[in-house]
Amino acid sequence: MPIQYYIILASALFCIGVVGVLIRRNAIIIFMCIELMLNSVNLMLVAFSKMHYGLGSADNKIVAVNIGTDAQLFVFFIMVVAAAEVSVGLAIIVMMYRNVHSTDVNFLNRLKN
């Protein structure tokens, strides 16, 4: 599959995530859009890694077992950090909902005073 398909898909997912963060006011939806943006970056990283190692193995005529594992390792760490972010973020949202009975981020501005 050509790299352009991966680039188009990852760009579309990232744009959907940005629009969701900018337009929506629900904290849970905003966290889901941030996760969507992180996953689109992961997709792009793995696609470019596959393209890079695919070109290198075609020139040398050597088939390696660990093609593209560097990017997959970075993607794994990004996913671990994203999971930790979601667990802390959801705990904050649950505490906010218990105290305020709303997950609207505009309501948080009123809590400053």
Protein backbone atom coordinates (compact mmCIF):
# COMPACT_ATOMS: atom_id res chain seq x y z
CA MET A 1 0.00 0.00 0.00
CA PRO A 2 1.46 3.41 -0.91
CA ILE A 3 2.57 5.80 1.82
CA GLN A 4 0.18 8.48 0.55
CA TYR A 5 -2.82 6.55 1.87
CA TYR A 6 -1.34 6.48 5.36
CA ILE A 7 -0.51 10.19 5.19
CA ILE A 8 -4.05 11.08 4.07
CA LEU A 9 -5.65 8.90 6.76
CA ALA A 10 -3.40 10.22 9.53
CA SER A 11 -3.95 13.82 8.42
CA ALA A 12 -7.72 13.34 8.36
CA LEU A 13 -7.70 11.79 11.84
CA PHE A 14 -5.51 14.59 13.19
CA CYS A 15 -7.77 17.27 11.67
CA ILE A 16 -10.86 15.60 13.15
CA GLY A 17 -9.14 15.60 16.54
CA VAL A 18 -8.17 19.28 16.31
CA VAL A 19 -11.68 20.30 15.27
CA GLY A 20 -13.12 18.25 18.12
CA VAL A 21 -10.85 19.90 20.68
CA LEU A 22 -11.63 23.38 19.39
CA ILE A 23 -15.40 23.00 18.99
CA ARG A 24 -16.60 20.65 21.72
CA ARG A 25 -16.95 21.74 25.35
CA ASN A 26 -17.41 18.34 27.00
CA ALA A 27 -14.23 17.29 28.81
CA ILE A 28 -14.61 13.60 27.93
CA ILE A 29 -15.01 14.38 24.21
CA ILE A 30 -11.94 16.62 24.37
CA PHE A 31 -9.88 13.79 25.89
CA MET A 32 -11.09 11.42 23.17
CA CYS A 33 -10.08 13.92 20.47
CA ILE A 34 -6.63 14.29 22.03
CA GLU A 35 -6.27 10.50 21.96
CA LEU A 36 -7.35 10.51 18.31
CA MET A 37 -4.60 13.02 17.53
CA LEU A 38 -2.00 10.91 19.36
CA ASN A 39 -3.07 7.80 17.45
CA SER A 40 -2.81 9.63 14.13
CA VAL A 41 0.75 10.62 14.99
CA ASN A 42 1.48 6.97 15.88
CA LEU A 43 0.11 5.86 12.53
CA MET A 44 2.28 8.36 10.71
CA LEU A 45 5.38 7.31 12.67
CA VAL A 46 4.90 3.62 11.87
CA ALA A 47 4.12 4.36 8.20
CA PHE A 48 7.29 6.42 7.75
CA SER A 49 9.33 3.79 9.56
CA LYS A 50 7.95 1.10 7.26
CA MET A 51 8.75 3.24 4.22
CA HIS A 52 12.29 3.98 5.46
CA TYR A 53 13.16 0.35 6.21
CA GLY A 54 11.38 -0.85 3.09
CA LEU A 55 13.66 1.29 0.92
CA GLY A 56 16.77 0.13 2.77
CA SER A 57 15.98 -3.58 2.46
CA ALA A 58 15.12 -3.28 -1.24
CA ASP A 59 18.52 -1.80 -2.04
CA ASN A 60 20.51 -4.38 -0.08
CA LYS A 61 18.37 -7.37 -1.07
CA ILE A 62 18.39 -8.46 2.57
CA VAL A 63 15.23 -9.34 4.43
CA ALA A 64 15.57 -8.39 8.08
CA VAL A 65 13.44 -9.76 10.87
CA ASN A 66 13.23 -6.51 12.87
CA ILE A 67 12.13 -4.13 10.12
CA GLY A 68 10.60 -1.00 11.61
CA THR A 69 10.86 -2.01 15.26
CA ASP A 70 12.37 1.34 16.30
CA ALA A 71 9.20 3.24 15.45
CA GLN A 72 7.05 0.53 17.01
CA LEU A 73 9.01 0.95 20.24
CA PHE A 74 8.38 4.71 20.22
CA VAL A 75 4.70 4.10 19.49
CA PHE A 76 4.53 1.73 22.44
CA PHE A 77 5.96 4.37 24.78
CA ILE A 78 3.58 7.00 23.39
CA MET A 79 0.65 4.68 24.04
CA VAL A 80 1.82 4.03 27.61
CA VAL A 81 2.08 7.77 28.30
CA ALA A 82 -1.35 8.31 26.68
CA ALA A 83 -2.88 5.62 28.89
CA ALA A 84 -1.44 7.27 31.99
CA GLU A 85 -2.75 10.64 30.78
CA VAL A 86 -6.23 9.22 30.28
CA SER A 87 -6.31 7.60 33.71
CA VAL A 88 -5.31 10.84 35.44
CA GLY A 89 -7.58 12.94 33.22
CA LEU A 90 -10.61 10.72 33.81
CA ALA A 91 -9.98 10.81 37.56
CA ILE A 92 -9.98 14.62 37.39
CA ILE A 93 -13.19 14.61 35.33
CA VAL A 94 -14.92 12.26 37.79
CA MET A 95 -13.95 14.49 40.72
CA MET A 96 -15.12 17.55 38.79
CA TYR A 97 -18.44 15.88 38.04
CA ARG A 98 -18.92 14.88 41.69
CA ASN A 99 -18.37 18.45 42.87
CA VAL A 100 -19.97 20.49 40.07
CA HIS A 101 -22.35 17.97 38.41
CA SER A 102 -21.14 19.02 34.96
CA THR A 103 -18.34 18.10 32.56
CA ASP A 104 -18.54 21.38 30.64
CA VAL A 105 -15.10 23.01 30.43
CA ASN A 106 -16.63 26.49 30.25
CA PHE A 107 -17.99 25.94 33.75
CA LEU A 108 -14.41 25.58 35.04
CA ASN A 109 -13.77 29.28 34.42
CA ARG A 110 -16.38 30.08 37.06
CA LEU A 111 -14.50 28.02 39.64
CA LYS A 112 -11.56 30.44 39.66
CA ASN A 113 -13.35 33.02 41.81
